[in-house]
Structures are given as C-alpha cells and as structure tokens.
Amino acid sequence: MNLNQYEFSTVDNFQDFTFFSEGPKGKIKKVIKFFQIQDDPVVYNLAFGDETIYGTLNDSVISDNKDTLKILATVANTIHVFCDYNGNHLIFAQGSTPSRTRLYQMGISQAWAEIQKDFTVWGFKGNEWHPFTLNVNYEAFLVKRN
C-alpha cells in the first residue's frame, strides 16, 4: 500500500507488532496483536492499542496524537506481514467502543482506493456480513488479503 505509515517491529511469531506514534502528545508506543479466535474457517482477531506501563495493551485509551490515518496504514501493513508468515486468513477487527469502530470505518473509507487493491473487506450489519460499502455504518469488519 502506498500510504504514509510508521516503521514497526515484530517478534519471531509475526503475530505481535509494535511501533511509535509521533505527534503533539509525544511519542506513544502502539501494540498490535493477532490471535486466533476460530478454526474453520481460520479467523484471527486484531487487537490494537497503546502499550501500558505494565507492558499490556490498552485498547480503550484515546491518545489523540493527530496521526490516525498513518496509524491505520501501519496497522494495515502489519496485516501484510502477518499474512506473509501465518497465511492469508480472515482478520476480525472491531473497536472497543462503537465510536472507535466508527473511527476505524472512517479510516478505511478515507484510504479505500488503496485498501481495496490489497484487501477484501466485509462489514457486519444487521446480523450479517456484507461486502464493505462506503457510507454504510458497520459494527465490525473482516479483512482478507487478496
């Protein structure tokens, strides 16, 4: 994807990633973790948030570092790396709150031209999965690398 993004690092399993957001609030360490939640078909959950002082992931903090699109582009790039090493499985993503899910949707919408080149995206609405469509509000997302 040709979007401005942060450099990130990973560990040997290519399921845990970290990077630093930089903006008016300073340098904030971000954490991305993929963990399997279903076997058939294989689905991984994408957990994302700030690293706490205890080294855990906090997915409810609002850091507001004015770099949302760059952060979301970085998360999308980690999906590529995850898939390179773990297979092209479905990735489930949902914000910790409805407003955070809406923020993710806005990011997907803003970068849709680039995202759809590399990924197929579905949105969950009305107890069903639908192909992602701009200007439709979803409760969660499934992503699969093409």
N, C-alpha and C. Protein backbone atom coordinates (compact mmCIF):
# COMPACT_ATOMS: atom_id res chain seq x y z
N MET A 1 0.84 -1.18 0.00
CA MET A 1 0.00 0.00 0.00
C MET A 1 0.88 1.23 0.00
N ASN A 2 0.47 2.22 -0.72
CA ASN A 2 1.25 3.45 -0.86
C ASN A 2 0.72 4.55 0.06
N LEU A 3 0.58 4.23 1.34
CA LEU A 3 0.11 5.20 2.32
C LEU A 3 1.24 5.50 3.29
N ASN A 4 1.28 6.73 3.78
CA ASN A 4 2.27 7.12 4.77
C ASN A 4 2.04 6.32 6.04
N GLN A 5 3.10 5.66 6.53
CA GLN A 5 2.97 4.79 7.69
C GLN A 5 4.23 4.82 8.54
N TYR A 6 4.11 4.29 9.74
CA TYR A 6 5.24 4.20 10.65
C TYR A 6 6.02 2.90 10.42
N GLU A 7 7.31 2.94 10.76
CA GLU A 7 8.09 1.70 10.80
C GLU A 7 7.64 0.93 12.04
N PHE A 8 7.63 -0.39 11.93
CA PHE A 8 7.21 -1.21 13.07
C PHE A 8 8.19 -2.35 13.25
N SER A 9 8.09 -2.99 14.40
CA SER A 9 8.91 -4.17 14.66
C SER A 9 7.99 -5.31 15.08
N THR A 10 8.52 -6.52 14.97
CA THR A 10 7.75 -7.71 15.33
C THR A 10 8.68 -8.71 16.01
N VAL A 11 8.08 -9.72 16.58
CA VAL A 11 8.86 -10.80 17.18
C VAL A 11 8.78 -12.02 16.27
N ASP A 12 9.41 -13.10 16.65
CA ASP A 12 9.55 -14.27 15.81
C ASP A 12 8.25 -14.87 15.29
N ASN A 13 7.16 -14.74 16.03
CA ASN A 13 5.91 -15.37 15.60
C ASN A 13 5.14 -14.54 14.58
N PHE A 14 5.55 -13.31 14.33
CA PHE A 14 4.90 -12.40 13.39
C PHE A 14 3.40 -12.27 13.68
N GLN A 15 3.07 -12.30 14.99
CA GLN A 15 1.71 -12.06 15.43
C GLN A 15 1.63 -10.88 16.41
N ASP A 16 2.76 -10.38 16.84
CA ASP A 16 2.82 -9.25 17.77
C ASP A 16 3.71 -8.18 17.15
N PHE A 17 3.19 -6.96 17.08
CA PHE A 17 3.90 -5.86 16.43
C PHE A 17 3.88 -4.64 17.34
N THR A 18 4.90 -3.80 17.23
CA THR A 18 4.93 -2.53 17.96
C THR A 18 5.46 -1.43 17.04
N PHE A 19 5.03 -0.22 17.32
CA PHE A 19 5.55 0.96 16.64
C PHE A 19 5.27 2.17 17.51
N PHE A 20 5.81 3.31 17.12
CA PHE A 20 5.61 4.54 17.89
C PHE A 20 4.85 5.56 17.07
N SER A 21 3.76 6.05 17.64
CA SER A 21 3.02 7.18 17.10
C SER A 21 3.75 8.44 17.54
N GLU A 22 3.90 9.39 16.64
CA GLU A 22 4.56 10.65 16.99
C GLU A 22 3.67 11.81 16.59
N GLY A 23 3.44 12.71 17.55
CA GLY A 23 2.58 13.86 17.30
C GLY A 23 2.63 14.82 18.47
N PRO A 24 1.61 15.67 18.58
CA PRO A 24 1.60 16.70 19.62
C PRO A 24 1.62 16.16 21.04
N LYS A 25 1.18 14.91 21.23
CA LYS A 25 1.18 14.30 22.57
C LYS A 25 2.48 13.55 22.84
N GLY A 26 3.44 13.64 21.91
CA GLY A 26 4.72 12.99 22.10
C GLY A 26 4.81 11.67 21.36
N LYS A 27 5.70 10.82 21.83
CA LYS A 27 5.97 9.51 21.23
C LYS A 27 5.22 8.47 22.06
N ILE A 28 4.25 7.78 21.44
CA ILE A 28 3.39 6.83 22.13
C ILE A 28 3.57 5.45 21.51
N LYS A 29 3.91 4.47 22.35
CA LYS A 29 4.11 3.11 21.85
C LYS A 29 2.77 2.43 21.61
N LYS A 30 2.62 1.92 20.40
CA LYS A 30 1.41 1.22 19.99
C LYS A 30 1.70 -0.28 19.87
N VAL A 31 0.70 -1.09 20.14
CA VAL A 31 0.83 -2.54 20.11
C VAL A 31 -0.28 -3.12 19.25
N ILE A 32 0.09 -4.09 18.41
CA ILE A 32 -0.87 -4.82 17.58
C ILE A 32 -0.64 -6.30 17.86
N LYS A 33 -1.71 -7.02 18.16
CA LYS A 33 -1.62 -8.45 18.42
C LYS A 33 -2.68 -9.18 17.61
N PHE A 34 -2.26 -10.25 16.96
CA PHE A 34 -3.17 -11.12 16.24
C PHE A 34 -3.29 -12.41 17.03
N PHE A 35 -4.52 -12.85 17.30
CA PHE A 35 -4.69 -14.15 17.95
C PHE A 35 -5.89 -14.86 17.35
N GLN A 36 -5.73 -16.18 17.18
CA GLN A 36 -6.75 -16.98 16.53
C GLN A 36 -7.99 -17.10 17.40
N ILE A 37 -9.17 -16.88 16.78
CA ILE A 37 -10.43 -16.96 17.52
C ILE A 37 -11.38 -18.01 16.94
N GLN A 38 -11.02 -18.56 15.77
CA GLN A 38 -11.89 -19.55 15.14
C GLN A 38 -11.03 -20.47 14.27
N ASP A 39 -11.48 -21.75 14.16
CA ASP A 39 -10.72 -22.74 13.41
C ASP A 39 -11.19 -22.95 11.97
N ASP A 40 -12.48 -22.95 11.72
CA ASP A 40 -12.96 -23.31 10.39
C ASP A 40 -14.09 -22.40 9.95
N PRO A 41 -13.85 -21.39 9.15
CA PRO A 41 -12.54 -21.03 8.62
C PRO A 41 -11.67 -20.39 9.71
N VAL A 42 -10.37 -20.36 9.47
CA VAL A 42 -9.45 -19.75 10.43
C VAL A 42 -9.66 -18.24 10.43
N VAL A 43 -9.92 -17.71 11.63
CA VAL A 43 -10.11 -16.27 11.81
C VAL A 43 -9.21 -15.82 12.95
N TYR A 44 -8.52 -14.72 12.72
CA TYR A 44 -7.70 -14.08 13.75
C TYR A 44 -8.33 -12.77 14.16
N ASN A 45 -8.27 -12.47 15.43
CA ASN A 45 -8.68 -11.16 15.94
C ASN A 45 -7.48 -10.23 15.90
N LEU A 46 -7.71 -9.01 15.49
CA LEU A 46 -6.68 -7.99 15.51
C LEU A 46 -6.96 -7.09 16.71
N ALA A 47 -6.06 -7.14 17.68
CA ALA A 47 -6.17 -6.26 18.86
C ALA A 47 -5.15 -5.15 18.70
N PHE A 48 -5.56 -3.93 19.02
CA PHE A 48 -4.70 -2.78 18.79
C PHE A 48 -4.92 -1.75 19.88
N GLY A 49 -3.84 -1.15 20.35
CA GLY A 49 -3.96 -0.09 21.35
C GLY A 49 -2.61 0.42 21.78
N ASP A 50 -2.62 1.20 22.84
CA ASP A 50 -1.40 1.76 23.42
C ASP A 50 -0.81 0.76 24.41
N GLU A 51 0.51 0.74 24.49
CA GLU A 51 1.16 -0.09 25.49
C GLU A 51 1.11 0.62 26.84
N THR A 52 0.71 -0.10 27.87
CA THR A 52 0.65 0.48 29.22
C THR A 52 2.04 0.40 29.87
N ILE A 53 2.17 1.02 31.03
CA ILE A 53 3.44 0.96 31.76
C ILE A 53 3.75 -0.45 32.22
N TYR A 54 2.75 -1.33 32.21
CA TYR A 54 2.93 -2.72 32.60
C TYR A 54 3.22 -3.63 31.41
N GLY A 55 3.30 -3.04 30.21
CA GLY A 55 3.59 -3.82 29.01
C GLY A 55 2.39 -4.49 28.40
N THR A 56 1.19 -4.16 28.87
CA THR A 56 -0.03 -4.74 28.31
C THR A 56 -0.63 -3.79 27.28
N LEU A 57 -1.63 -4.26 26.60
CA LEU A 57 -2.31 -3.48 25.56
C LEU A 57 -3.56 -2.83 26.14
N ASN A 58 -3.69 -1.53 25.97
CA ASN A 58 -4.90 -0.81 26.38
C ASN A 58 -5.61 -0.35 25.12
N ASP A 59 -6.76 -0.97 24.82
CA ASP A 59 -7.48 -0.63 23.59
C ASP A 59 -8.59 0.40 23.81
N SER A 60 -8.63 1.00 24.98
CA SER A 60 -9.69 1.99 25.23
C SER A 60 -9.16 3.40 25.44
N VAL A 61 -7.85 3.57 25.52
CA VAL A 61 -7.28 4.90 25.70
C VAL A 61 -7.41 5.72 24.41
N ILE A 62 -7.60 7.01 24.57
CA ILE A 62 -7.66 7.91 23.42
C ILE A 62 -6.41 8.78 23.47
N SER A 63 -5.44 8.47 22.62
CA SER A 63 -4.18 9.21 22.66
C SER A 63 -4.24 10.49 21.85
N ASP A 64 -5.07 10.57 20.82
CA ASP A 64 -5.30 11.79 20.04
C ASP A 64 -4.00 12.47 19.63
N ASN A 65 -3.14 11.72 18.94
CA ASN A 65 -1.84 12.24 18.52
C ASN A 65 -1.87 12.82 17.10
N LYS A 66 -3.08 13.00 16.56
CA LYS A 66 -3.30 13.64 15.26
C LYS A 66 -2.65 12.88 14.10
N ASP A 67 -2.58 11.56 14.20
CA ASP A 67 -1.95 10.76 13.14
C ASP A 67 -2.76 9.50 12.83
N THR A 68 -4.07 9.60 12.93
CA THR A 68 -4.95 8.44 12.79
C THR A 68 -4.72 7.68 11.48
N LEU A 69 -4.67 8.39 10.36
CA LEU A 69 -4.51 7.70 9.07
C LEU A 69 -3.17 7.00 8.98
N LYS A 70 -2.13 7.62 9.50
CA LYS A 70 -0.81 7.00 9.48
C LYS A 70 -0.80 5.75 10.36
N ILE A 71 -1.47 5.82 11.48
CA ILE A 71 -1.59 4.65 12.37
C ILE A 71 -2.35 3.53 11.67
N LEU A 72 -3.49 3.83 11.08
CA LEU A 72 -4.29 2.81 10.41
C LEU A 72 -3.55 2.21 9.21
N ALA A 73 -2.77 3.02 8.50
CA ALA A 73 -1.96 2.50 7.40
C ALA A 73 -0.89 1.55 7.93
N THR A 74 -0.34 1.87 9.09
CA THR A 74 0.65 1.00 9.71
C THR A 74 0.02 -0.33 10.11
N VAL A 75 -1.17 -0.26 10.71
CA VAL A 75 -1.88 -1.49 11.08
C VAL A 75 -2.15 -2.34 9.84
N ALA A 76 -2.59 -1.72 8.75
CA ALA A 76 -2.84 -2.45 7.51
C ALA A 76 -1.57 -3.12 7.01
N ASN A 77 -0.44 -2.44 7.12
CA ASN A 77 0.81 -3.03 6.66
C ASN A 77 1.21 -4.24 7.52
N THR A 78 0.89 -4.20 8.82
CA THR A 78 1.19 -5.36 9.66
C THR A 78 0.35 -6.56 9.24
N ILE A 79 -0.83 -6.31 8.69
CA ILE A 79 -1.65 -7.42 8.19
C ILE A 79 -0.92 -8.12 7.05
N HIS A 80 -0.29 -7.34 6.17
CA HIS A 80 0.50 -7.95 5.10
C HIS A 80 1.59 -8.85 5.66
N VAL A 81 2.34 -8.35 6.62
CA VAL A 81 3.44 -9.12 7.20
C VAL A 81 2.89 -10.34 7.93
N PHE A 82 1.83 -10.15 8.71
CA PHE A 82 1.19 -11.28 9.39
C PHE A 82 0.84 -12.37 8.39
N CYS A 83 0.18 -12.00 7.29
CA CYS A 83 -0.24 -12.97 6.28
C CYS A 83 0.95 -13.63 5.60
N ASP A 84 2.02 -12.89 5.37
CA ASP A 84 3.22 -13.48 4.75
C ASP A 84 3.72 -14.67 5.56
N TYR A 85 3.64 -14.59 6.87
CA TYR A 85 4.21 -15.61 7.74
C TYR A 85 3.18 -16.58 8.33
N ASN A 86 1.91 -16.20 8.35
CA ASN A 86 0.90 -17.03 9.00
C ASN A 86 -0.22 -17.48 8.07
N GLY A 87 -0.20 -17.04 6.83
CA GLY A 87 -1.22 -17.41 5.86
C GLY A 87 -2.27 -16.33 5.68
N ASN A 88 -2.97 -16.40 4.56
CA ASN A 88 -4.00 -15.41 4.24
C ASN A 88 -5.32 -15.77 4.89
N HIS A 89 -5.38 -15.61 6.19
CA HIS A 89 -6.58 -15.93 6.94
C HIS A 89 -7.46 -14.69 7.08
N LEU A 90 -8.68 -14.90 7.49
CA LEU A 90 -9.58 -13.79 7.79
C LEU A 90 -9.10 -13.09 9.06
N ILE A 91 -9.19 -11.76 9.05
CA ILE A 91 -8.81 -10.95 10.20
C ILE A 91 -10.06 -10.20 10.65
N PHE A 92 -10.43 -10.38 11.91
CA PHE A 92 -11.59 -9.72 12.51
C PHE A 92 -11.11 -8.47 13.24
N ALA A 93 -11.81 -7.36 13.03
CA ALA A 93 -11.46 -6.12 13.74
C ALA A 93 -12.74 -5.41 14.17
N GLN A 94 -12.71 -4.98 15.42
CA GLN A 94 -13.83 -4.23 15.98
C GLN A 94 -13.27 -3.31 17.04
N GLY A 95 -13.72 -2.08 17.07
CA GLY A 95 -13.27 -1.16 18.10
C GLY A 95 -13.77 -1.56 19.47
N SER A 96 -13.10 -1.08 20.50
CA SER A 96 -13.51 -1.38 21.88
C SER A 96 -14.80 -0.65 22.25
N THR A 97 -15.17 0.34 21.46
CA THR A 97 -16.42 1.08 21.64
C THR A 97 -17.02 1.34 20.25
N PRO A 98 -18.31 1.65 20.18
CA PRO A 98 -18.88 1.99 18.87
C PRO A 98 -18.19 3.19 18.21
N SER A 99 -17.78 4.17 19.00
CA SER A 99 -17.12 5.33 18.40
C SER A 99 -15.74 4.96 17.84
N ARG A 100 -15.06 4.02 18.49
CA ARG A 100 -13.76 3.58 17.96
C ARG A 100 -13.97 2.76 16.68
N THR A 101 -15.00 1.94 16.64
CA THR A 101 -15.30 1.20 15.41
C THR A 101 -15.60 2.19 14.29
N ARG A 102 -16.32 3.25 14.62
CA ARG A 102 -16.63 4.29 13.62
C ARG A 102 -15.34 4.96 13.14
N LEU A 103 -14.40 5.18 14.04
CA LEU A 103 -13.11 5.76 13.67
C LEU A 103 -12.38 4.84 12.69
N TYR A 104 -12.40 3.54 12.96
CA TYR A 104 -11.77 2.58 12.04
C TYR A 104 -12.45 2.64 10.68
N GLN A 105 -13.78 2.72 10.68
CA GLN A 105 -14.52 2.78 9.43
C GLN A 105 -14.16 4.04 8.64
N MET A 106 -14.03 5.16 9.34
CA MET A 106 -13.65 6.40 8.66
C MET A 106 -12.26 6.27 8.03
N GLY A 107 -11.35 5.62 8.75
CA GLY A 107 -10.02 5.39 8.20
C GLY A 107 -10.05 4.49 6.97
N ILE A 108 -10.84 3.41 7.05
CA ILE A 108 -10.98 2.52 5.90
C ILE A 108 -11.55 3.31 4.72
N SER A 109 -12.57 4.11 4.98
CA SER A 109 -13.21 4.88 3.91
C SER A 109 -12.25 5.87 3.27
N GLN A 110 -11.46 6.55 4.08
CA GLN A 110 -10.53 7.54 3.55
C GLN A 110 -9.43 6.91 2.70
N ALA A 111 -9.06 5.70 3.04
CA ALA A 111 -7.99 5.02 2.30
C ALA A 111 -8.52 3.91 1.40
N TRP A 112 -9.82 3.92 1.13
CA TRP A 112 -10.47 2.83 0.43
C TRP A 112 -9.83 2.53 -0.93
N ALA A 113 -9.47 3.54 -1.69
CA ALA A 113 -8.87 3.31 -3.00
C ALA A 113 -7.61 2.46 -2.90
N GLU A 114 -6.81 2.68 -1.89
CA GLU A 114 -5.59 1.89 -1.68
C GLU A 114 -5.91 0.53 -1.05
N ILE A 115 -6.78 0.53 -0.06
CA ILE A 115 -7.08 -0.71 0.67
C ILE A 115 -7.65 -1.78 -0.24
N GLN A 116 -8.58 -1.40 -1.12
CA GLN A 116 -9.24 -2.41 -1.95
C GLN A 116 -8.31 -3.02 -2.99
N LYS A 117 -7.15 -2.41 -3.23
CA LYS A 117 -6.16 -3.02 -4.12
C LYS A 117 -5.57 -4.28 -3.50
N ASP A 118 -5.43 -4.29 -2.17
CA ASP A 118 -4.74 -5.37 -1.48
C ASP A 118 -5.65 -6.27 -0.64
N PHE A 119 -6.82 -5.77 -0.27
CA PHE A 119 -7.67 -6.48 0.68
C PHE A 119 -9.12 -6.55 0.21
N THR A 120 -9.79 -7.64 0.62
CA THR A 120 -11.24 -7.71 0.53
C THR A 120 -11.74 -7.43 1.94
N VAL A 121 -12.73 -6.56 2.05
CA VAL A 121 -13.22 -6.14 3.37
C VAL A 121 -14.73 -6.35 3.41
N TRP A 122 -15.19 -6.90 4.54
CA TRP A 122 -16.62 -7.05 4.80
C TRP A 122 -16.97 -6.28 6.05
N GLY A 123 -18.20 -5.80 6.12
CA GLY A 123 -18.70 -5.13 7.32
C GLY A 123 -19.87 -5.91 7.90
N PHE A 124 -19.97 -5.90 9.22
CA PHE A 124 -21.05 -6.60 9.91
C PHE A 124 -22.16 -5.63 10.22
N LYS A 125 -23.36 -5.92 9.74
CA LYS A 125 -24.52 -5.07 9.96
C LYS A 125 -25.77 -5.92 9.86
N GLY A 126 -26.69 -5.73 10.82
CA GLY A 126 -27.95 -6.47 10.78
C GLY A 126 -27.75 -7.97 10.92
N ASN A 127 -26.81 -8.38 11.76
CA ASN A 127 -26.50 -9.79 11.99
C ASN A 127 -26.00 -10.54 10.77
N GLU A 128 -25.43 -9.80 9.80
CA GLU A 128 -24.89 -10.42 8.59
C GLU A 128 -23.62 -9.70 8.15
N TRP A 129 -22.77 -10.44 7.43
CA TRP A 129 -21.58 -9.86 6.82
C TRP A 129 -21.92 -9.43 5.40
N HIS A 130 -21.48 -8.22 5.05
CA HIS A 130 -21.73 -7.64 3.73
C HIS A 130 -20.42 -7.13 3.15
N PRO A 131 -20.26 -7.17 1.82
CA PRO A 131 -19.08 -6.52 1.24
C PRO A 131 -19.04 -5.05 1.69
N PHE A 132 -17.87 -4.58 2.07
CA PHE A 132 -17.73 -3.21 2.55
C PHE A 132 -18.19 -2.24 1.48
N THR A 133 -19.02 -1.30 1.89
CA THR A 133 -19.52 -0.24 1.03
C THR A 133 -19.32 1.08 1.73
N LEU A 134 -18.84 2.05 1.00
CA LEU A 134 -18.68 3.39 1.57
C LEU A 134 -20.03 3.93 2.04
N ASN A 135 -19.99 4.74 3.10
CA ASN A 135 -21.17 5.42 3.65
C ASN A 135 -22.21 4.49 4.27
N VAL A 136 -21.79 3.30 4.67
CA VAL A 136 -22.65 2.39 5.43
C VAL A 136 -21.97 2.16 6.77
N ASN A 137 -22.70 2.30 7.86
CA ASN A 137 -22.12 2.10 9.19
C ASN A 137 -22.14 0.63 9.56
N TYR A 138 -20.97 0.13 9.99
CA TYR A 138 -20.83 -1.27 10.36
C TYR A 138 -20.46 -1.39 11.83
N GLU A 139 -20.70 -2.59 12.37
CA GLU A 139 -20.39 -2.87 13.79
C GLU A 139 -19.03 -3.55 13.96
N ALA A 140 -18.51 -4.15 12.90
CA ALA A 140 -17.22 -4.85 12.92
C ALA A 140 -16.79 -5.08 11.49
N PHE A 141 -15.55 -5.57 11.32
CA PHE A 141 -15.00 -5.76 9.99
C PHE A 141 -14.26 -7.09 9.91
N LEU A 142 -14.32 -7.69 8.73
CA LEU A 142 -13.48 -8.83 8.37
C LEU A 142 -12.64 -8.42 7.19
N VAL A 143 -11.37 -8.79 7.23
CA VAL A 143 -10.44 -8.42 6.17
C VAL A 143 -9.71 -9.68 5.73
N LYS A 144 -9.50 -9.78 4.42
CA LYS A 144 -8.68 -10.87 3.89
C LYS A 144 -7.80 -10.28 2.79
N ARG A 145 -6.51 -10.62 2.88
CA ARG A 145 -5.60 -10.13 1.84
C ARG A 145 -5.89 -10.86 0.55
N ASN A 146 -5.90 -10.12 -0.55
CA ASN A 146 -6.15 -10.69 -1.87
C ASN A 146 -4.97 -11.54 -2.32
